Amino acid sequence: MFSAMLKQYDKAAEFMVVGFKRGWLLKEVAAAIGVDPYDDDQRAEMAKACPFMPAEYWHYKRPVRAFVAVEWPRMSDFMLKHEDAPQKLLSVLPALKKSAALGVKHGTKRSKADLAEMRATRRDYRANAISYAASRESFKSNQRSAWGVCKA
């Protein structure tokens, strides 16, 4: 069984390139190899045999392109540049097999200043919403009258 799995792992780099070209998720690459990415034992065995595959399960929800772009930006640029040339794409296989996934956390598209502005805006919105709710409640309670009540 293990030797059959190793033969599939030899194809892992090729499936990674195919996944890059076709826009697959990493879990689709793992499924093509015959590995359940959410099974810890299978994932650990695959990560040991294929160091370029991620060891953490949350990576498998990401597109292959995003994973390659974060882990190996130069390889990603080369692959994007030569996306229409299959021979050029396959030329990255030796480099990919030698690479190791570091498990880099994916970043954000927003700068720190933008994130700070978003937090401040959210804080202001909450304060305004609370103030408006209190004002509206006060307004509604002051609209009541006893004109319809008969007093004897």
N, C-alpha and C. Protein backbone atom coordinates (compact mmCIF):
# COMPACT_ATOMS: atom_id res chain seq x y z
N MET A 1 0.84 -1.20 0.00
CA MET A 1 0.00 0.00 0.00
C MET A 1 0.87 1.25 0.00
N PHE A 2 1.92 1.24 0.85
CA PHE A 2 2.75 2.44 0.96
C PHE A 2 3.50 2.72 -0.34
N SER A 3 3.96 1.68 -1.04
CA SER A 3 4.67 1.90 -2.31
C SER A 3 3.73 2.48 -3.37
N ALA A 4 2.46 2.05 -3.34
CA ALA A 4 1.48 2.62 -4.27
C ALA A 4 1.26 4.10 -3.97
N MET A 5 1.25 4.43 -2.67
CA MET A 5 1.08 5.83 -2.29
C MET A 5 2.29 6.65 -2.74
N LEU A 6 3.48 6.08 -2.63
CA LEU A 6 4.68 6.82 -3.05
C LEU A 6 4.65 7.13 -4.54
N LYS A 7 4.13 6.21 -5.35
CA LYS A 7 4.02 6.47 -6.78
C LYS A 7 3.08 7.65 -7.04
N GLN A 8 2.00 7.71 -6.26
CA GLN A 8 1.08 8.84 -6.38
C GLN A 8 1.75 10.13 -5.94
N TYR A 9 2.59 10.05 -4.90
CA TYR A 9 3.26 11.24 -4.41
C TYR A 9 4.25 11.77 -5.45
N ASP A 10 4.80 10.90 -6.29
CA ASP A 10 5.68 11.37 -7.36
C ASP A 10 4.89 12.24 -8.34
N LYS A 11 3.62 11.98 -8.46
CA LYS A 11 2.76 12.76 -9.36
C LYS A 11 2.24 14.03 -8.69
N ALA A 12 2.49 14.20 -7.40
CA ALA A 12 1.93 15.34 -6.66
C ALA A 12 2.37 16.67 -7.25
N ALA A 13 3.64 16.78 -7.63
CA ALA A 13 4.13 18.03 -8.21
C ALA A 13 3.43 18.32 -9.54
N GLU A 14 3.23 17.27 -10.33
CA GLU A 14 2.54 17.47 -11.60
C GLU A 14 1.10 17.92 -11.37
N PHE A 15 0.43 17.31 -10.39
CA PHE A 15 -0.93 17.73 -10.08
C PHE A 15 -0.96 19.15 -9.53
N MET A 16 0.10 19.54 -8.85
CA MET A 16 0.17 20.91 -8.34
C MET A 16 0.22 21.90 -9.51
N VAL A 17 1.00 21.58 -10.53
CA VAL A 17 1.09 22.45 -11.71
C VAL A 17 -0.24 22.45 -12.46
N VAL A 18 -0.86 21.28 -12.58
CA VAL A 18 -2.17 21.19 -13.24
C VAL A 18 -3.19 22.02 -12.46
N GLY A 19 -3.15 21.91 -11.14
CA GLY A 19 -4.06 22.69 -10.30
C GLY A 19 -3.83 24.17 -10.44
N PHE A 20 -2.58 24.58 -10.60
CA PHE A 20 -2.25 25.99 -10.81
C PHE A 20 -2.88 26.46 -12.13
N LYS A 21 -2.70 25.66 -13.16
CA LYS A 21 -3.20 26.02 -14.50
C LYS A 21 -4.72 26.07 -14.54
N ARG A 22 -5.38 25.09 -13.90
CA ARG A 22 -6.83 24.98 -13.97
C ARG A 22 -7.58 25.72 -12.87
N GLY A 23 -6.86 26.31 -11.92
CA GLY A 23 -7.52 27.08 -10.86
C GLY A 23 -8.15 26.20 -9.79
N TRP A 24 -7.52 25.07 -9.48
CA TRP A 24 -8.04 24.16 -8.46
C TRP A 24 -7.76 24.68 -7.06
N LEU A 25 -8.48 24.12 -6.10
CA LEU A 25 -8.15 24.29 -4.69
C LEU A 25 -7.13 23.22 -4.32
N LEU A 26 -6.40 23.45 -3.24
CA LEU A 26 -5.41 22.46 -2.82
C LEU A 26 -6.06 21.13 -2.45
N LYS A 27 -7.30 21.16 -1.96
CA LYS A 27 -7.96 19.90 -1.61
C LYS A 27 -8.24 19.07 -2.86
N GLU A 28 -8.41 19.71 -4.01
CA GLU A 28 -8.60 18.99 -5.26
C GLU A 28 -7.30 18.34 -5.71
N VAL A 29 -6.19 19.00 -5.45
CA VAL A 29 -4.88 18.40 -5.75
C VAL A 29 -4.67 17.17 -4.86
N ALA A 30 -4.99 17.31 -3.58
CA ALA A 30 -4.84 16.18 -2.66
C ALA A 30 -5.76 15.03 -3.07
N ALA A 31 -6.97 15.33 -3.50
CA ALA A 31 -7.89 14.28 -3.93
C ALA A 31 -7.37 13.58 -5.18
N ALA A 32 -6.73 14.33 -6.08
CA ALA A 32 -6.15 13.72 -7.28
C ALA A 32 -5.01 12.77 -6.92
N ILE A 33 -4.31 13.06 -5.84
CA ILE A 33 -3.23 12.19 -5.38
C ILE A 33 -3.82 10.97 -4.66
N GLY A 34 -5.01 11.12 -4.13
CA GLY A 34 -5.65 10.04 -3.39
C GLY A 34 -5.53 10.20 -1.90
N VAL A 35 -5.44 11.45 -1.45
CA VAL A 35 -5.29 11.75 -0.02
C VAL A 35 -6.47 12.59 0.43
N ASP A 36 -7.00 12.23 1.60
CA ASP A 36 -8.04 13.04 2.22
C ASP A 36 -7.34 14.12 3.03
N PRO A 37 -7.42 15.41 2.63
CA PRO A 37 -6.66 16.45 3.32
C PRO A 37 -7.12 16.71 4.75
N TYR A 38 -8.31 16.23 5.10
CA TYR A 38 -8.82 16.47 6.45
C TYR A 38 -8.52 15.31 7.39
N ASP A 39 -7.87 14.26 6.87
CA ASP A 39 -7.42 13.15 7.70
C ASP A 39 -5.98 13.45 8.12
N ASP A 40 -5.76 13.62 9.42
CA ASP A 40 -4.45 14.05 9.92
C ASP A 40 -3.33 13.08 9.55
N ASP A 41 -3.59 11.78 9.63
CA ASP A 41 -2.55 10.80 9.34
C ASP A 41 -2.15 10.83 7.87
N GLN A 42 -3.14 10.84 6.99
CA GLN A 42 -2.83 10.88 5.55
C GLN A 42 -2.12 12.17 5.17
N ARG A 43 -2.57 13.28 5.76
CA ARG A 43 -1.95 14.57 5.45
C ARG A 43 -0.51 14.61 5.94
N ALA A 44 -0.26 14.07 7.12
CA ALA A 44 1.10 14.06 7.67
C ALA A 44 2.01 13.18 6.82
N GLU A 45 1.49 12.03 6.39
CA GLU A 45 2.27 11.13 5.53
C GLU A 45 2.60 11.80 4.21
N MET A 46 1.62 12.51 3.64
CA MET A 46 1.84 13.19 2.38
C MET A 46 2.84 14.34 2.54
N ALA A 47 2.71 15.09 3.63
CA ALA A 47 3.62 16.22 3.85
C ALA A 47 5.05 15.73 4.05
N LYS A 48 5.20 14.55 4.64
CA LYS A 48 6.54 14.00 4.83
C LYS A 48 7.13 13.55 3.48
N ALA A 49 6.31 12.92 2.65
CA ALA A 49 6.78 12.45 1.34
C ALA A 49 6.91 13.58 0.34
N CYS A 50 6.05 14.58 0.46
CA CYS A 50 6.05 15.73 -0.47
C CYS A 50 6.20 17.00 0.35
N PRO A 51 7.40 17.45 0.61
CA PRO A 51 7.57 18.64 1.46
C PRO A 51 6.98 19.92 0.88
N PHE A 52 6.68 19.93 -0.41
CA PHE A 52 6.10 21.13 -1.01
C PHE A 52 4.59 21.22 -0.76
N MET A 53 3.99 20.16 -0.26
CA MET A 53 2.57 20.20 0.09
C MET A 53 2.43 20.69 1.53
N PRO A 54 1.39 21.47 1.83
CA PRO A 54 1.25 22.03 3.17
C PRO A 54 0.85 20.96 4.20
N ALA A 55 1.26 21.19 5.44
CA ALA A 55 0.96 20.24 6.51
C ALA A 55 -0.31 20.62 7.26
N GLU A 56 -0.69 21.89 7.25
CA GLU A 56 -1.87 22.34 7.99
C GLU A 56 -3.12 22.18 7.13
N TYR A 57 -4.20 21.77 7.76
CA TYR A 57 -5.43 21.47 7.00
C TYR A 57 -6.07 22.71 6.40
N TRP A 58 -5.91 23.87 7.03
CA TRP A 58 -6.62 25.05 6.53
C TRP A 58 -6.11 25.52 5.19
N HIS A 59 -4.87 25.11 4.82
CA HIS A 59 -4.35 25.47 3.50
C HIS A 59 -5.17 24.85 2.38
N TYR A 60 -5.78 23.71 2.65
CA TYR A 60 -6.45 22.96 1.59
C TYR A 60 -7.75 23.60 1.14
N LYS A 61 -8.17 24.66 1.78
CA LYS A 61 -9.35 25.41 1.35
C LYS A 61 -8.94 26.54 0.40
N ARG A 62 -7.64 26.70 0.20
CA ARG A 62 -7.13 27.80 -0.60
C ARG A 62 -6.88 27.36 -2.04
N PRO A 63 -6.95 28.30 -2.98
CA PRO A 63 -6.57 27.98 -4.36
C PRO A 63 -5.06 27.70 -4.46
N VAL A 64 -4.71 26.85 -5.41
CA VAL A 64 -3.30 26.52 -5.62
C VAL A 64 -2.52 27.77 -5.98
N ARG A 65 -3.11 28.63 -6.79
CA ARG A 65 -2.41 29.85 -7.21
C ARG A 65 -2.07 30.74 -6.01
N ALA A 66 -3.00 30.87 -5.09
CA ALA A 66 -2.75 31.70 -3.91
C ALA A 66 -1.66 31.08 -3.04
N PHE A 67 -1.70 29.77 -2.88
CA PHE A 67 -0.70 29.08 -2.08
C PHE A 67 0.69 29.25 -2.68
N VAL A 68 0.80 29.02 -3.99
CA VAL A 68 2.10 29.15 -4.67
C VAL A 68 2.57 30.59 -4.63
N ALA A 69 1.67 31.54 -4.79
CA ALA A 69 2.05 32.96 -4.79
C ALA A 69 2.62 33.38 -3.44
N VAL A 70 2.08 32.84 -2.36
CA VAL A 70 2.57 33.21 -1.03
C VAL A 70 3.86 32.46 -0.70
N GLU A 71 3.90 31.16 -1.01
CA GLU A 71 5.06 30.34 -0.67
C GLU A 71 6.27 30.63 -1.57
N TRP A 72 6.04 30.69 -2.87
CA TRP A 72 7.13 30.86 -3.83
C TRP A 72 6.75 31.93 -4.86
N PRO A 73 6.91 33.20 -4.52
CA PRO A 73 6.46 34.28 -5.41
C PRO A 73 7.16 34.29 -6.77
N ARG A 74 8.44 33.99 -6.81
CA ARG A 74 9.15 34.01 -8.10
C ARG A 74 8.64 32.88 -9.01
N MET A 75 8.40 31.72 -8.43
CA MET A 75 7.88 30.59 -9.21
C MET A 75 6.47 30.93 -9.71
N SER A 76 5.69 31.58 -8.88
CA SER A 76 4.34 31.97 -9.27
C SER A 76 4.38 32.97 -10.42
N ASP A 77 5.27 33.95 -10.34
CA ASP A 77 5.39 34.93 -11.42
C ASP A 77 5.77 34.24 -12.73
N PHE A 78 6.73 33.31 -12.66
CA PHE A 78 7.16 32.57 -13.85
C PHE A 78 5.99 31.78 -14.44
N MET A 79 5.25 31.11 -13.56
CA MET A 79 4.14 30.28 -14.04
C MET A 79 3.02 31.13 -14.63
N LEU A 80 2.76 32.28 -14.05
CA LEU A 80 1.74 33.17 -14.60
C LEU A 80 2.18 33.74 -15.95
N LYS A 81 3.46 34.03 -16.06
CA LYS A 81 3.99 34.60 -17.29
C LYS A 81 3.92 33.59 -18.44
N HIS A 82 4.16 32.32 -18.11
CA HIS A 82 4.20 31.27 -19.14
C HIS A 82 3.01 30.31 -19.01
N GLU A 83 1.88 30.85 -18.64
CA GLU A 83 0.70 30.01 -18.40
C GLU A 83 0.22 29.31 -19.67
N ASP A 84 0.43 29.92 -20.82
CA ASP A 84 -0.05 29.33 -22.07
C ASP A 84 0.95 28.37 -22.70
N ALA A 85 2.11 28.21 -22.10
CA ALA A 85 3.14 27.31 -22.63
C ALA A 85 3.31 26.11 -21.69
N PRO A 86 2.69 24.96 -22.02
CA PRO A 86 2.75 23.81 -21.11
C PRO A 86 4.17 23.33 -20.81
N GLN A 87 5.06 23.39 -21.79
CA GLN A 87 6.44 22.95 -21.55
C GLN A 87 7.14 23.84 -20.52
N LYS A 88 6.88 25.13 -20.58
CA LYS A 88 7.46 26.05 -19.60
C LYS A 88 6.89 25.79 -18.22
N LEU A 89 5.57 25.52 -18.16
CA LEU A 89 4.95 25.22 -16.87
C LEU A 89 5.56 23.96 -16.26
N LEU A 90 5.75 22.95 -17.07
CA LEU A 90 6.31 21.69 -16.57
C LEU A 90 7.79 21.82 -16.22
N SER A 91 8.43 22.87 -16.69
CA SER A 91 9.85 23.05 -16.38
C SER A 91 10.07 23.42 -14.91
N VAL A 92 9.02 23.80 -14.20
CA VAL A 92 9.16 24.14 -12.78
C VAL A 92 9.09 22.91 -11.87
N LEU A 93 8.79 21.73 -12.43
CA LEU A 93 8.65 20.53 -11.62
C LEU A 93 9.88 20.21 -10.76
N PRO A 94 11.11 20.23 -11.32
CA PRO A 94 12.27 19.92 -10.47
C PRO A 94 12.42 20.91 -9.31
N ALA A 95 12.19 22.19 -9.59
CA ALA A 95 12.30 23.20 -8.54
C ALA A 95 11.19 23.01 -7.50
N LEU A 96 10.00 22.66 -7.96
CA LEU A 96 8.88 22.45 -7.04
C LEU A 96 9.13 21.25 -6.14
N LYS A 97 9.68 20.18 -6.70
CA LYS A 97 9.97 18.98 -5.91
C LYS A 97 11.03 19.24 -4.84
N LYS A 98 11.93 20.18 -5.11
CA LYS A 98 12.99 20.52 -4.14
C LYS A 98 12.49 21.52 -3.09
N SER A 99 11.40 22.19 -3.38
CA SER A 99 10.89 23.22 -2.48
C SER A 99 10.21 22.60 -1.26
N ALA A 100 10.14 23.41 -0.23
CA ALA A 100 9.44 23.00 0.99
C ALA A 100 8.46 24.10 1.37
N ALA A 101 7.24 23.70 1.69
CA ALA A 101 6.23 24.66 2.11
C ALA A 101 6.53 25.09 3.54
N LEU A 102 6.63 26.38 3.75
CA LEU A 102 6.94 26.89 5.07
C LEU A 102 5.68 27.13 5.89
N GLY A 103 4.54 27.02 5.24
CA GLY A 103 3.28 27.25 5.96
C GLY A 103 3.07 28.71 6.28
N VAL A 104 3.45 29.57 5.35
CA VAL A 104 3.31 31.01 5.54
C VAL A 104 1.83 31.34 5.67
N LYS A 105 1.52 32.15 6.65
CA LYS A 105 0.13 32.59 6.83
C LYS A 105 -0.21 33.56 5.70
N HIS A 106 -1.43 33.46 5.21
CA HIS A 106 -1.82 34.37 4.15
C HIS A 106 -2.06 35.75 4.74
N GLY A 107 -1.66 36.73 4.00
CA GLY A 107 -1.76 38.10 4.48
C GLY A 107 -3.10 38.72 4.12
N THR A 108 -3.18 39.99 4.32
CA THR A 108 -4.39 40.72 4.00
C THR A 108 -4.10 41.68 2.85
N LYS A 109 -5.12 42.06 2.14
CA LYS A 109 -4.95 42.98 1.03
C LYS A 109 -4.96 44.42 1.50
N ARG A 110 -5.27 44.63 2.76
CA ARG A 110 -5.39 45.98 3.29
C ARG A 110 -4.16 46.35 4.11
N SER A 111 -3.81 47.62 4.05
CA SER A 111 -2.66 48.10 4.80
C SER A 111 -3.06 48.29 6.26
N LYS A 112 -2.08 48.52 7.11
CA LYS A 112 -2.36 48.75 8.53
C LYS A 112 -3.18 50.02 8.73
N ALA A 113 -2.91 51.04 7.92
CA ALA A 113 -3.68 52.28 8.03
C ALA A 113 -5.14 52.04 7.66
N ASP A 114 -5.37 51.24 6.60
CA ASP A 114 -6.75 50.93 6.22
C ASP A 114 -7.46 50.14 7.31
N LEU A 115 -6.76 49.19 7.91
CA LEU A 115 -7.37 48.40 8.99
C LEU A 115 -7.71 49.28 10.19
N ALA A 116 -6.82 50.23 10.52
CA ALA A 116 -7.08 51.15 11.63
C ALA A 116 -8.29 52.02 11.32
N GLU A 117 -8.38 52.49 10.08
CA GLU A 117 -9.53 53.31 9.69
C GLU A 117 -10.83 52.50 9.74
N MET A 118 -10.76 51.23 9.34
CA MET A 118 -11.94 50.37 9.41
C MET A 118 -12.40 50.18 10.85
N ARG A 119 -11.45 49.97 11.76
CA ARG A 119 -11.80 49.82 13.18
C ARG A 119 -12.45 51.09 13.72
N ALA A 120 -11.86 52.26 13.39
CA ALA A 120 -12.41 53.54 13.86
C ALA A 120 -13.81 53.77 13.30
N THR A 121 -14.02 53.46 12.03
CA THR A 121 -15.33 53.63 11.41
C THR A 121 -16.35 52.70 12.06
N ARG A 122 -15.95 51.47 12.32
CA ARG A 122 -16.85 50.51 12.97
C ARG A 122 -17.23 50.99 14.37
N ARG A 123 -16.25 51.53 15.11
CA ARG A 123 -16.51 52.06 16.45
C ARG A 123 -17.49 53.23 16.39
N ASP A 124 -17.27 54.15 15.44
CA ASP A 124 -18.17 55.30 15.28
C ASP A 124 -19.57 54.84 14.89
N TYR A 125 -19.66 53.88 14.01
CA TYR A 125 -20.96 53.38 13.60
C TYR A 125 -21.73 52.79 14.78
N ARG A 126 -21.04 51.98 15.59
CA ARG A 126 -21.70 51.40 16.76
C ARG A 126 -22.19 52.48 17.71
N ALA A 127 -21.35 53.51 17.96
CA ALA A 127 -21.74 54.60 18.85
C ALA A 127 -22.96 55.34 18.30
N ASN A 128 -22.94 55.60 16.99
CA ASN A 128 -24.08 56.29 16.37
C ASN A 128 -25.34 55.43 16.41
N ALA A 129 -25.20 54.15 16.19
CA ALA A 129 -26.36 53.26 16.20
C ALA A 129 -26.97 53.19 17.59
N ILE A 130 -26.15 53.11 18.61
CA ILE A 130 -26.65 53.08 19.99
C ILE A 130 -27.32 54.40 20.34
N SER A 131 -26.69 55.51 19.95
CA SER A 131 -27.26 56.83 20.22
C SER A 131 -28.60 57.00 19.51
N TYR A 132 -28.69 56.58 18.25
CA TYR A 132 -29.93 56.69 17.49
C TYR A 132 -31.02 55.83 18.12
N ALA A 133 -30.69 54.61 18.54
CA ALA A 133 -31.68 53.73 19.15
C ALA A 133 -32.24 54.34 20.42
N ALA A 134 -31.37 54.93 21.24
CA ALA A 134 -31.82 55.57 22.47
C ALA A 134 -32.69 56.78 22.16
N SER A 135 -32.28 57.58 21.19
CA SER A 135 -33.04 58.77 20.80
C SER A 135 -34.41 58.37 20.25
N ARG A 136 -34.45 57.36 19.43
CA ARG A 136 -35.71 56.91 18.84
C ARG A 136 -36.66 56.36 19.91
N GLU A 137 -36.10 55.61 20.85
CA GLU A 137 -36.91 55.08 21.95
C GLU A 137 -37.51 56.22 22.80
N SER A 138 -36.70 57.23 23.06
CA SER A 138 -37.18 58.38 23.81
C SER A 138 -38.27 59.11 23.04
N PHE A 139 -38.08 59.31 21.76
CA PHE A 139 -39.07 59.97 20.91
C PHE A 139 -40.40 59.22 20.92
N LYS A 140 -40.32 57.90 20.76
CA LYS A 140 -41.54 57.08 20.75
C LYS A 140 -42.26 57.14 22.09
N SER A 141 -41.52 57.13 23.18
CA SER A 141 -42.17 57.14 24.50
C SER A 141 -42.81 58.50 24.78
N ASN A 142 -42.27 59.59 24.21
CA ASN A 142 -42.84 60.92 24.42
C ASN A 142 -44.05 61.18 23.52
N GLN A 143 -44.30 60.33 22.56
CA GLN A 143 -45.43 60.50 21.65
C GLN A 143 -46.74 59.97 22.25
N ARG A 144 -46.63 59.26 23.33
CA ARG A 144 -47.83 58.71 23.95
C ARG A 144 -48.62 59.82 24.67
N SER A 145 -49.91 59.68 24.64
CA SER A 145 -50.76 60.63 25.38
C SER A 145 -51.96 59.90 25.96
N ALA A 146 -52.64 60.56 26.81
CA ALA A 146 -53.81 59.97 27.46
C ALA A 146 -55.11 60.57 26.94
N TRP A 147 -55.11 61.14 25.73
CA TRP A 147 -56.30 61.78 25.21
C TRP A 147 -57.43 60.79 24.99
N GLY A 148 -57.12 59.54 24.72
CA GLY A 148 -58.16 58.55 24.44
C GLY A 148 -58.72 57.95 25.71
N VAL A 149 -58.22 58.33 26.86
CA VAL A 149 -58.65 57.72 28.13
C VAL A 149 -59.73 58.61 28.74
N CYS A 150 -60.79 58.00 29.13
CA CYS A 150 -61.89 58.74 29.76
C CYS A 150 -61.62 58.82 31.26
N LYS A 151 -61.56 60.05 31.76
CA LYS A 151 -61.29 60.22 33.18
C LYS A 151 -62.59 60.63 33.86
N ALA A 152 -62.88 60.00 34.92
CA ALA A 152 -64.13 60.32 35.58
C ALA A 152 -63.91 61.00 36.89
